[in-house]
PDB file of N, CA and C in Angstrom:
ATOM      1  N   MET A   1      51.171 171.570  44.600  1.00  0.00           N
ATOM      2  CA  MET A   1      51.461 172.463  44.035  1.00  0.00           C
ATOM      3  C   MET A   1      50.257 173.314  43.299  1.00  0.00           C
ATOM      4  N   LEU A   2      50.293 174.533  43.115  1.00  0.00           N
ATOM      5  CA  LEU A   2      49.468 175.465  42.599  1.00  0.00           C
ATOM      6  C   LEU A   2      50.096 176.587  42.195  1.00  0.00           C
ATOM      7  N   ASN A   3      49.702 176.492  40.404  1.00  0.00           N
ATOM      8  CA  ASN A   3      50.448 177.616  39.972  1.00  0.00           C
ATOM      9  C   ASN A   3      48.989 178.915  39.462  1.00  0.00           C
ATOM     10  N   ILE A   4      49.506 179.963  39.967  1.00  0.00           N
ATOM     11  CA  ILE A   4      48.408 181.158  39.982  1.00  0.00           C
ATOM     12  C   ILE A   4      49.014 182.256  39.046  1.00  0.00           C
ATOM     13  N   ALA A   5      48.069 182.636  37.651  1.00  0.00           N
ATOM     14  CA  ALA A   5      48.106 183.204  36.713  1.00  0.00           C
ATOM     15  C   ALA A   5      47.123 184.506  37.022  1.00  0.00           C
ATOM     16  N   LYS A   6      47.771 185.699  37.281  1.00  0.00           N
ATOM     17  CA  LYS A   6      46.718 186.798  37.562  1.00  0.00           C
ATOM     18  C   LYS A   6      46.999 187.833  36.676  1.00  0.00           C
ATOM     19  N   THR A   7      45.806 188.377  36.012  1.00  0.00           N
ATOM     20  CA  THR A   7      45.764 189.347  35.141  1.00  0.00           C
ATOM     21  C   THR A   7      44.629 190.355  35.572  1.00  0.00           C
ATOM     22  N   GLN A   8      45.065 191.665  35.517  1.00  0.00           N
ATOM     23  CA  GLN A   8      44.205 192.906  36.003  1.00  0.00           C
ATOM     24  C   GLN A   8      43.961 193.697  34.919  1.00  0.00           C
ATOM     25  N   ASN A   9      42.743 194.169  34.240  1.00  0.00           N
ATOM     26  CA  ASN A   9      42.384 195.033  33.540  1.00  0.00           C
ATOM     27  C   ASN A   9      41.321 195.710  33.651  1.00  0.00           C
ATOM     28  N   GLU A  10      41.220 197.084  34.145  1.00  0.00           N
ATOM     29  CA  GLU A  10      40.213 198.076  34.212  1.00  0.00           C
ATOM     30  C   GLU A  10      39.127 197.672  35.010  1.00  0.00           C
ATOM     31  N   GLY A  11      39.358 197.250  36.528  1.00  0.00           N
ATOM     32  CA  GLY A  11      38.397 196.640  37.671  1.00  0.00           C
ATOM     33  C   GLY A  11      38.132 195.261  37.203  1.00  0.00           C
ATOM     34  N   VAL A  12      38.483 194.869  36.388  1.00  0.00           N
ATOM     35  CA  VAL A  12      38.514 193.138  36.211  1.00  0.00           C
ATOM     36  C   VAL A  12      39.801 192.313  36.629  1.00  0.00           C
ATOM     37  N   LEU A  13      39.838 191.448  37.752  1.00  0.00           N
ATOM     38  CA  LEU A  13      40.855 190.781  38.249  1.00  0.00           C
ATOM     39  C   LEU A  13      40.194 189.274  37.979  1.00  0.00           C
ATOM     40  N   THR A  14      41.399 188.597  37.280  1.00  0.00           N
ATOM     41  CA  THR A  14      41.267 187.261  36.600  1.00  0.00           C
ATOM     42  C   THR A  14      42.398 186.471  37.397  1.00  0.00           C
ATOM     43  N   PHE A  15      41.873 185.084  37.976  1.00  0.00           N
ATOM     44  CA  PHE A  15      43.060 184.294  38.321  1.00  0.00           C
ATOM     45  C   PHE A  15      42.776 183.108  37.430  1.00  0.00           C
ATOM     46  N   ASP A  16      43.854 182.567  37.068  1.00  0.00           N
ATOM     47  CA  ASP A  16      43.819 181.153  36.439  1.00  0.00           C
ATOM     48  C   ASP A  16      44.433 180.289  37.364  1.00  0.00           C
ATOM     49  N   LEU A  17      44.118 179.295  37.736  1.00  0.00           N
ATOM     50  CA  LEU A  17      44.286 178.376  38.387  1.00  0.00           C
ATOM     51  C   LEU A  17      44.927 177.111  38.226  1.00  0.00           C
ATOM     52  N   GLU A  18      46.308 176.382  38.513  1.00  0.00           N
ATOM     53  CA  GLU A  18      46.418 175.522  37.620  1.00  0.00           C
ATOM     54  C   GLU A  18      46.995 174.484  39.087  1.00  0.00           C
ATOM     55  N   GLY A  19      46.701 173.185  39.162  1.00  0.00           N
ATOM     56  CA  GLY A  19      47.147 172.117  40.208  1.00  0.00           C
ATOM     57  C   GLY A  19      46.151 171.907  41.091  1.00  0.00           C
ATOM     58  N   ARG A  20      46.515 171.932  42.412  1.00  0.00           N
ATOM     59  CA  ARG A  20      45.747 171.624  43.617  1.00  0.00           C
ATOM     60  C   ARG A  20      45.664 172.700  44.433  1.00  0.00           C
ATOM     61  N   LEU A  21      44.428 172.901  44.842  1.00  0.00           N
ATOM     62  CA  LEU A  21      44.258 174.049  45.869  1.00  0.00           C
ATOM     63  C   LEU A  21      43.914 173.444  46.985  1.00  0.00           C
ATOM     64  N   ASP A  22      44.491 173.379  48.115  1.00  0.00           N
ATOM     65  CA  ASP A  22      44.466 172.605  49.282  1.00  0.00           C
ATOM     66  C   ASP A  22      44.855 173.368  50.583  1.00  0.00           C
ATOM     67  N   THR A  23      45.184 172.687  51.520  1.00  0.00           N
ATOM     68  CA  THR A  23      45.834 173.326  52.966  1.00  0.00           C
ATOM     69  C   THR A  23      46.975 173.992  52.532  1.00  0.00           C
ATOM     70  N   THR A  24      47.891 173.455  51.702  1.00  0.00           N
ATOM     71  CA  THR A  24      49.349 173.922  51.818  1.00  0.00           C
ATOM     72  C   THR A  24      48.997 174.907  50.827  1.00  0.00           C
ATOM     73  N   THR A  25      48.495 174.977  49.665  1.00  0.00           N
ATOM     74  CA  THR A  25      48.300 176.024  48.785  1.00  0.00           C
ATOM     75  C   THR A  25      47.488 177.245  48.876  1.00  0.00           C
ATOM     76  N   SER A  26      46.491 177.108  49.636  1.00  0.00           N
ATOM     77  CA  SER A  26      45.527 177.890  49.858  1.00  0.00           C
ATOM     78  C   SER A  26      46.049 179.293  50.467  1.00  0.00           C
ATOM     79  N   PRO A  27      46.805 179.672  51.211  1.00  0.00           N
ATOM     80  CA  PRO A  27      47.789 180.571  51.806  1.00  0.00           C
ATOM     81  C   PRO A  27      48.242 181.572  50.518  1.00  0.00           C
ATOM     82  N   GLN A  28      48.757 181.027  49.768  1.00  0.00           N
ATOM     83  CA  GLN A  28      49.090 181.245  48.238  1.00  0.00           C
ATOM     84  C   GLN A  28      48.003 182.110  47.535  1.00  0.00           C
ATOM     85  N   LEU A  29      47.027 181.511  47.718  1.00  0.00           N
ATOM     86  CA  LEU A  29      45.974 182.317  46.677  1.00  0.00           C
ATOM     87  C   LEU A  29      45.565 183.198  47.507  1.00  0.00           C
ATOM     88  N   GLU A  30      44.829 183.388  48.933  1.00  0.00           N
ATOM     89  CA  GLU A  30      44.605 184.087  49.653  1.00  0.00           C
ATOM     90  C   GLU A  30      45.501 185.401  49.833  1.00  0.00           C
ATOM     91  N   GLU A  31      46.590 185.029  49.618  1.00  0.00           N
ATOM     92  CA  GLU A  31      47.665 186.512  49.928  1.00  0.00           C
ATOM     93  C   GLU A  31      47.348 186.886  48.376  1.00  0.00           C
ATOM     94  N   ALA A  32      47.356 186.448  47.468  1.00  0.00           N
ATOM     95  CA  ALA A  32      47.319 186.836  45.786  1.00  0.00           C
ATOM     96  C   ALA A  32      45.863 187.932  45.718  1.00  0.00           C
ATOM     97  N   ILE A  33      44.845 187.398  46.224  1.00  0.00           N
ATOM     98  CA  ILE A  33      43.477 187.893  46.345  1.00  0.00           C
ATOM     99  C   ILE A  33      43.646 188.762  47.176  1.00  0.00           C
ATOM    100  N   ASN A  34      44.220 189.029  48.648  1.00  0.00           N
ATOM    101  CA  ASN A  34      43.962 190.144  49.294  1.00  0.00           C
ATOM    102  C   ASN A  34      44.874 191.367  48.901  1.00  0.00           C
ATOM    103  N   GLY A  35      45.854 190.811  48.166  1.00  0.00           N
ATOM    104  CA  GLY A  35      46.792 192.087  47.781  1.00  0.00           C
ATOM    105  C   GLY A  35      46.482 192.962  46.561  1.00  0.00           C
ATOM    106  N   SER A  36      45.280 192.232  45.838  1.00  0.00           N
ATOM    107  CA  SER A  36      44.942 193.157  44.730  1.00  0.00           C
ATOM    108  C   SER A  36      43.641 193.094  44.770  1.00  0.00           C
ATOM    109  N   ILE A  37      42.585 192.914  45.493  1.00  0.00           N
ATOM    110  CA  ILE A  37      41.224 193.096  45.213  1.00  0.00           C
ATOM    111  C   ILE A  37      40.609 194.330  45.318  1.00  0.00           C
ATOM    112  N   ALA A  38      41.175 195.077  46.312  1.00  0.00           N
ATOM    113  CA  ALA A  38      40.850 196.424  46.420  1.00  0.00           C
ATOM    114  C   ALA A  38      40.180 196.998  45.072  1.00  0.00           C
ATOM    115  N   GLY A  39      39.231 197.560  44.871  1.00  0.00           N
ATOM    116  CA  GLY A  39      38.774 198.295  43.790  1.00  0.00           C
ATOM    117  C   GLY A  39      38.052 197.525  42.464  1.00  0.00           C
ATOM    118  N   VAL A  40      38.164 196.177  42.831  1.00  0.00           N
ATOM    119  CA  VAL A  40      37.928 195.329  41.622  1.00  0.00           C
ATOM    120  C   VAL A  40      36.519 195.267  41.875  1.00  0.00           C
ATOM    121  N   LYS A  41      35.842 195.209  40.524  1.00  0.00           N
ATOM    122  CA  LYS A  41      34.402 195.198  40.017  1.00  0.00           C
ATOM    123  C   LYS A  41      33.830 193.898  39.754  1.00  0.00           C
ATOM    124  N   GLU A  42      34.892 193.047  39.080  1.00  0.00           N
ATOM    125  CA  GLU A  42      34.676 191.706  38.559  1.00  0.00           C
ATOM    126  C   GLU A  42      35.751 190.899  38.793  1.00  0.00           C
ATOM    127  N   LEU A  43      35.342 189.859  39.628  1.00  0.00           N
ATOM    128  CA  LEU A  43      36.498 188.806  39.970  1.00  0.00           C
ATOM    129  C   LEU A  43      36.109 187.348  39.395  1.00  0.00           C
ATOM    130  N   ILE A  44      37.094 187.246  38.474  1.00  0.00           N
ATOM    131  CA  ILE A  44      36.909 185.880  37.527  1.00  0.00           C
ATOM    132  C   ILE A  44      38.273 184.908  38.028  1.00  0.00           C
ATOM    133  N   PHE A  45      37.594 183.752  38.709  1.00  0.00           N
ATOM    134  CA  PHE A  45      38.385 182.223  38.774  1.00  0.00           C
ATOM    135  C   PHE A  45      38.222 181.320  37.721  1.00  0.00           C
ATOM    136  N   ASP A  46      39.327 181.106  36.638  1.00  0.00           N
ATOM    137  CA  ASP A  46      39.460 180.159  35.719  1.00  0.00           C
ATOM    138  C   ASP A  46      40.127 178.972  36.131  1.00  0.00           C
ATOM    139  N   LEU A  47      39.208 177.898  36.335  1.00  0.00           N
ATOM    140  CA  LEU A  47      39.419 176.832  36.755  1.00  0.00           C
ATOM    141  C   LEU A  47      39.931 175.415  36.031  1.00  0.00           C
ATOM    142  N   GLU A  48      40.062 175.829  34.904  1.00  0.00           N
ATOM    143  CA  GLU A  48      40.115 175.130  33.533  1.00  0.00           C
ATOM    144  C   GLU A  48      41.274 173.862  34.244  1.00  0.00           C
ATOM    145  N   LYS A  49      42.307 174.561  34.405  1.00  0.00           N
ATOM    146  CA  LYS A  49      43.366 173.313  34.968  1.00  0.00           C
ATOM    147  C   LYS A  49      43.375 172.930  36.495  1.00  0.00           C
ATOM    148  N   LEU A  50      42.626 173.382  37.298  1.00  0.00           N
ATOM    149  CA  LEU A  50      42.697 173.171  38.598  1.00  0.00           C
ATOM    150  C   LEU A  50      42.401 171.628  38.655  1.00  0.00           C
ATOM    151  N   GLU A  51      42.956 170.707  39.590  1.00  0.00           N
ATOM    152  CA  GLU A  51      42.810 169.253  39.669  1.00  0.00           C
ATOM    153  C   GLU A  51      41.818 168.937  40.911  1.00  0.00           C
ATOM    154  N   TYR A  52      41.926 169.647  41.705  1.00  0.00           N
ATOM    155  CA  TYR A  52      41.603 169.309  43.077  1.00  0.00           C
ATOM    156  C   TYR A  52      41.372 170.792  43.956  1.00  0.00           C
ATOM    157  N   ILE A  53      40.239 170.639  44.732  1.00  0.00           N
ATOM    158  CA  ILE A  53      39.954 171.949  45.532  1.00  0.00           C
ATOM    159  C   ILE A  53      39.839 171.102  47.049  1.00  0.00           C
ATOM    160  N   SER A  54      40.300 171.597  48.171  1.00  0.00           N
ATOM    161  CA  SER A  54      39.837 171.023  49.410  1.00  0.00           C
ATOM    162  C   SER A  54      38.981 171.767  50.189  1.00  0.00           C
ATOM    163  N   SER A  55      38.743 171.754  51.532  1.00  0.00           N
ATOM    164  CA  SER A  55      37.771 172.591  52.292  1.00  0.00           C
ATOM    165  C   SER A  55      38.688 173.939  52.331  1.00  0.00           C
ATOM    166  N   ALA A  56      39.957 173.864  52.525  1.00  0.00           N
ATOM    167  CA  ALA A  56      40.661 175.274  52.410  1.00  0.00           C
ATOM    168  C   ALA A  56      40.689 176.011  51.583  1.00  0.00           C
ATOM    169  N   GLY A  57      40.721 175.314  50.267  1.00  0.00           N
ATOM    170  CA  GLY A  57      40.547 176.258  48.815  1.00  0.00           C
ATOM    171  C   GLY A  57      39.011 176.835  48.766  1.00  0.00           C
ATOM    172  N   LEU A  58      38.114 175.796  49.165  1.00  0.00           N
ATOM    173  CA  LEU A  58      36.755 176.251  49.399  1.00  0.00           C
ATOM    174  C   LEU A  58      36.397 177.741  50.535  1.00  0.00           C
ATOM    175  N   ARG A  59      37.225 177.694  51.557  1.00  0.00           N
ATOM    176  CA  ARG A  59      37.224 178.847  52.546  1.00  0.00           C
ATOM    177  C   ARG A  59      37.589 180.108  51.827  1.00  0.00           C
ATOM    178  N   VAL A  60      38.627 180.010  51.123  1.00  0.00           N
ATOM    179  CA  VAL A  60      39.293 181.086  50.060  1.00  0.00           C
ATOM    180  C   VAL A  60      38.354 181.854  49.273  1.00  0.00           C
ATOM    181  N   LEU A  61      37.747 180.615  48.411  1.00  0.00           N
ATOM    182  CA  LEU A  61      36.568 181.258  47.335  1.00  0.00           C
ATOM    183  C   LEU A  61      35.654 181.867  48.484  1.00  0.00           C
ATOM    184  N   LEU A  62      34.940 181.343  49.338  1.00  0.00           N
ATOM    185  CA  LEU A  62      34.079 181.716  50.172  1.00  0.00           C
ATOM    186  C   LEU A  62      34.312 183.153  50.512  1.00  0.00           C
ATOM    187  N   ALA A  63      35.522 183.327  51.054  1.00  0.00           N
ATOM    188  CA  ALA A  63      35.880 184.714  51.487  1.00  0.00           C
ATOM    189  C   ALA A  63      35.702 185.676  50.347  1.00  0.00           C
ATOM    190  N   ALA A  64      36.387 185.388  49.276  1.00  0.00           N
ATOM    191  CA  ALA A  64      36.592 186.194  48.282  1.00  0.00           C
ATOM    192  C   ALA A  64      35.163 186.645  47.656  1.00  0.00           C
ATOM    193  N   GLN A  65      33.764 185.626  47.696  1.00  0.00           N
ATOM    194  CA  GLN A  65      32.948 186.112  47.373  1.00  0.00           C
ATOM    195  C   GLN A  65      32.146 186.730  48.331  1.00  0.00           C
ATOM    196  N   LYS A  66      32.515 186.542  49.677  1.00  0.00           N
ATOM    197  CA  LYS A  66      31.864 187.628  50.279  1.00  0.00           C
ATOM    198  C   LYS A  66      32.459 188.881  50.322  1.00  0.00           C
ATOM    199  N   THR A  67      33.468 189.046  49.761  1.00  0.00           N
ATOM    200  CA  THR A  67      34.257 190.530  49.732  1.00  0.00           C
ATOM    201  C   THR A  67      33.407 191.236  48.349  1.00  0.00           C
ATOM    202  N   MET A  68      32.904 190.156  47.441  1.00  0.00           N
ATOM    203  CA  MET A  68      32.862 190.735  46.133  1.00  0.00           C
ATOM    204  C   MET A  68      31.238 191.057  46.052  1.00  0.00           C
ATOM    205  N   ASN A  69      30.642 190.353  47.252  1.00  0.00           N
ATOM    206  CA  ASN A  69      29.197 190.545  47.387  1.00  0.00           C
ATOM    207  C   ASN A  69      29.117 192.306  47.483  1.00  0.00           C
ATOM    208  N   LYS A  70      30.005 192.696  48.372  1.00  0.00           N
ATOM    209  CA  LYS A  70      30.073 193.987  48.676  1.00  0.00           C
ATOM    210  C   LYS A  70      30.550 195.203  47.733  1.00  0.00           C
ATOM    211  N   GLN A  71      31.139 194.598  46.774  1.00  0.00           N
ATOM    212  CA  GLN A  71      31.627 195.321  45.793  1.00  0.00           C
ATOM    213  C   GLN A  71      31.879 195.221  44.526  1.00  0.00           C
ATOM    214  N   GLY A  72      31.111 194.153  44.079  1.00  0.00           N
ATOM    215  CA  GLY A  72      30.922 193.870  42.534  1.00  0.00           C
ATOM    216  C   GLY A  72      30.417 192.222  42.336  1.00  0.00           C
ATOM    217  N   ASN A  73      31.015 191.583  41.467  1.00  0.00           N
ATOM    218  CA  ASN A  73      30.608 190.064  41.003  1.00  0.00           C
ATOM    219  C   ASN A  73      31.788 189.191  40.902  1.00  0.00           C
ATOM    220  N   MET A  74      31.560 188.006  41.283  1.00  0.00           N
ATOM    221  CA  MET A  74      32.342 187.232  41.140  1.00  0.00           C
ATOM    222  C   MET A  74      31.954 185.652  40.329  1.00  0.00           C
ATOM    223  N   THR A  75      32.983 185.529  39.650  1.00  0.00           N
ATOM    224  CA  THR A  75      32.378 184.308  38.488  1.00  0.00           C
ATOM    225  C   THR A  75      33.375 183.191  38.510  1.00  0.00           C
ATOM    226  N   VAL A  76      33.112 181.817  38.347  1.00  0.00           N
ATOM    227  CA  VAL A  76      33.903 180.773  38.464  1.00  0.00           C
ATOM    228  C   VAL A  76      33.751 180.152  36.906  1.00  0.00           C
ATOM    229  N   LEU A  77      34.757 179.768  36.376  1.00  0.00           N
ATOM    230  CA  LEU A  77      34.721 179.554  34.848  1.00  0.00           C
ATOM    231  C   LEU A  77      35.358 178.297  34.728  1.00  0.00           C
ATOM    232  N   HIS A  78      35.228 177.599  33.710  1.00  0.00           N
ATOM    233  CA  HIS A  78      35.742 176.432  33.558  1.00  0.00           C
ATOM    234  C   HIS A  78      35.817 175.396  34.307  1.00  0.00           C
ATOM    235  N   VAL A  79      35.020 174.924  35.300  1.00  0.00           N
ATOM    236  CA  VAL A  79      34.826 174.093  36.374  1.00  0.00           C
ATOM    237  C   VAL A  79      35.030 172.224  35.968  1.00  0.00           C
ATOM    238  N   SER A  80      35.923 171.604  36.182  1.00  0.00           N
ATOM    239  CA  SER A  80      36.130 170.272  35.940  1.00  0.00           C
ATOM    240  C   SER A  80      34.911 169.724  36.586  1.00  0.00           C
ATOM    241  N   GLU A  81      34.632 168.428  36.306  1.00  0.00           N
ATOM    242  CA  GLU A  81      33.683 167.229  36.736  1.00  0.00           C
ATOM    243  C   GLU A  81      33.901 167.381  38.221  1.00  0.00           C
ATOM    244  N   GLU A  82      35.367 166.995  38.355  1.00  0.00           N
ATOM    245  CA  GLU A  82      35.744 166.648  39.924  1.00  0.00           C
ATOM    246  C   GLU A  82      35.434 167.808  40.644  1.00  0.00           C
ATOM    247  N   VAL A  83      35.679 168.953  40.421  1.00  0.00           N
ATOM    248  CA  VAL A  83      35.899 170.113  41.204  1.00  0.00           C
ATOM    249  C   VAL A  83      34.377 170.313  41.278  1.00  0.00           C
ATOM    250  N   MET A  84      33.388 170.366  40.139  1.00  0.00           N
ATOM    251  CA  MET A  84      31.858 170.501  40.245  1.00  0.00           C
ATOM    252  C   MET A  84      31.250 169.843  41.220  1.00  0.00           C
ATOM    253  N   GLU A  85      31.917 168.312  41.297  1.00  0.00           N
ATOM    254  CA  GLU A  85      31.295 167.363  42.127  1.00  0.00           C
ATOM    255  C   GLU A  85      31.601 167.830  43.770  1.00  0.00           C
ATOM    256  N   ILE A  86      32.565 168.592  43.859  1.00  0.00           N
ATOM    257  CA  ILE A  86      32.786 168.923  45.159  1.00  0.00           C
ATOM    258  C   ILE A  86      31.948 170.045  45.554  1.00  0.00           C
ATOM    259  N   PHE A  87      31.887 171.056  44.421  1.00  0.00           N
ATOM    260  CA  PHE A  87      30.930 172.348  44.617  1.00  0.00           C
ATOM    261  C   PHE A  87      29.511 171.915  45.153  1.00  0.00           C
ATOM    262  N   GLU A  88      29.250 170.981  44.100  1.00  0.00           N
ATOM    263  CA  GLU A  88      27.757 170.391  44.530  1.00  0.00           C
ATOM    264  C   GLU A  88      27.547 169.559  46.057  1.00  0.00           C
ATOM    265  N   VAL A  89      28.635 168.875  46.364  1.00  0.00           N
ATOM    266  CA  VAL A  89      28.236 168.088  47.649  1.00  0.00           C
ATOM    267  C   VAL A  89      28.449 169.122  48.749  1.00  0.00           C
ATOM    268  N   THR A  90      29.309 170.099  48.837  1.00  0.00           N
ATOM    269  CA  THR A  90      29.314 171.164  49.861  1.00  0.00           C
ATOM    270  C   THR A  90      28.461 172.653  49.637  1.00  0.00           C
ATOM    271  N   GLY A  91      27.404 172.215  48.319  1.00  0.00           N
ATOM    272  CA  GLY A  91      26.289 173.279  48.409  1.00  0.00           C
ATOM    273  C   GLY A  91      27.275 174.868  47.840  1.00  0.00           C
ATOM    274  N   PHE A  92      28.318 174.704  47.237  1.00  0.00           N
ATOM    275  CA  PHE A  92      29.159 175.823  46.932  1.00  0.00           C
ATOM    276  C   PHE A  92      28.496 176.242  45.581  1.00  0.00           C
ATOM    277  N   SER A  93      28.131 175.332  44.946  1.00  0.00           N
ATOM    278  CA  SER A  93      27.565 175.374  43.490  1.00  0.00           C
ATOM    279  C   SER A  93      26.179 176.278  43.603  1.00  0.00           C
ATOM    280  N   ASP A  94      25.586 176.363  44.833  1.00  0.00           N
ATOM    281  CA  ASP A  94      24.360 177.162  45.041  1.00  0.00           C
ATOM    282  C   ASP A  94      24.941 178.904  45.328  1.00  0.00           C
ATOM    283  N   ILE A  95      26.224 178.783  46.087  1.00  0.00           N
ATOM    284  CA  ILE A  95      26.826 179.983  46.603  1.00  0.00           C
ATOM    285  C   ILE A  95      27.376 180.764  45.425  1.00  0.00           C
ATOM    286  N   LEU A  96      28.099 180.021  44.635  1.00  0.00           N
ATOM    287  CA  LEU A  96      29.244 180.620  43.651  1.00  0.00           C
ATOM    288  C   LEU A  96      28.035 180.826  42.404  1.00  0.00           C
ATOM    289  N   THR A  97      28.685 181.805  41.690  1.00  0.00           N
ATOM    290  CA  THR A  97      28.185 181.707  40.070  1.00  0.00           C
ATOM    291  C   THR A  97      29.273 181.219  38.951  1.00  0.00           C
ATOM    292  N   ILE A  98      28.745 180.169  38.574  1.00  0.00           N
ATOM    293  CA  ILE A  98      29.488 179.184  37.621  1.00  0.00           C
ATOM    294  C   ILE A  98      28.951 178.828  36.482  1.00  0.00           C
ATOM    295  N   GLN A  99      30.048 179.356  35.425  1.00  0.00           N
ATOM    296  CA  GLN A  99      29.687 179.466  34.289  1.00  0.00           C
ATOM    297  C   GLN A  99      30.658 178.130  33.488  1.00  0.00           C
TER     298      GLN A  99
END
């Protein structure tokens, strides 16, 4: 299960993710991103409450990063040790801006 809290304010779009971002839930996030990313200059993912991310979830983040490379910046915040380990093993720690 994945809970997505979205806030948008003057070109800054923030997604707070809670739960698991996997094959079942990644289409839900992808739809939320695609429905609101137009015109966004700063995209932020707060992963403080994200417990797990699968390859399907990584694909969604990569697609968002590719879009933001053309129109602004993307930042990933508050990554747990478990999720950070997945980012490091997959090389995503080199692709994403993680704070």
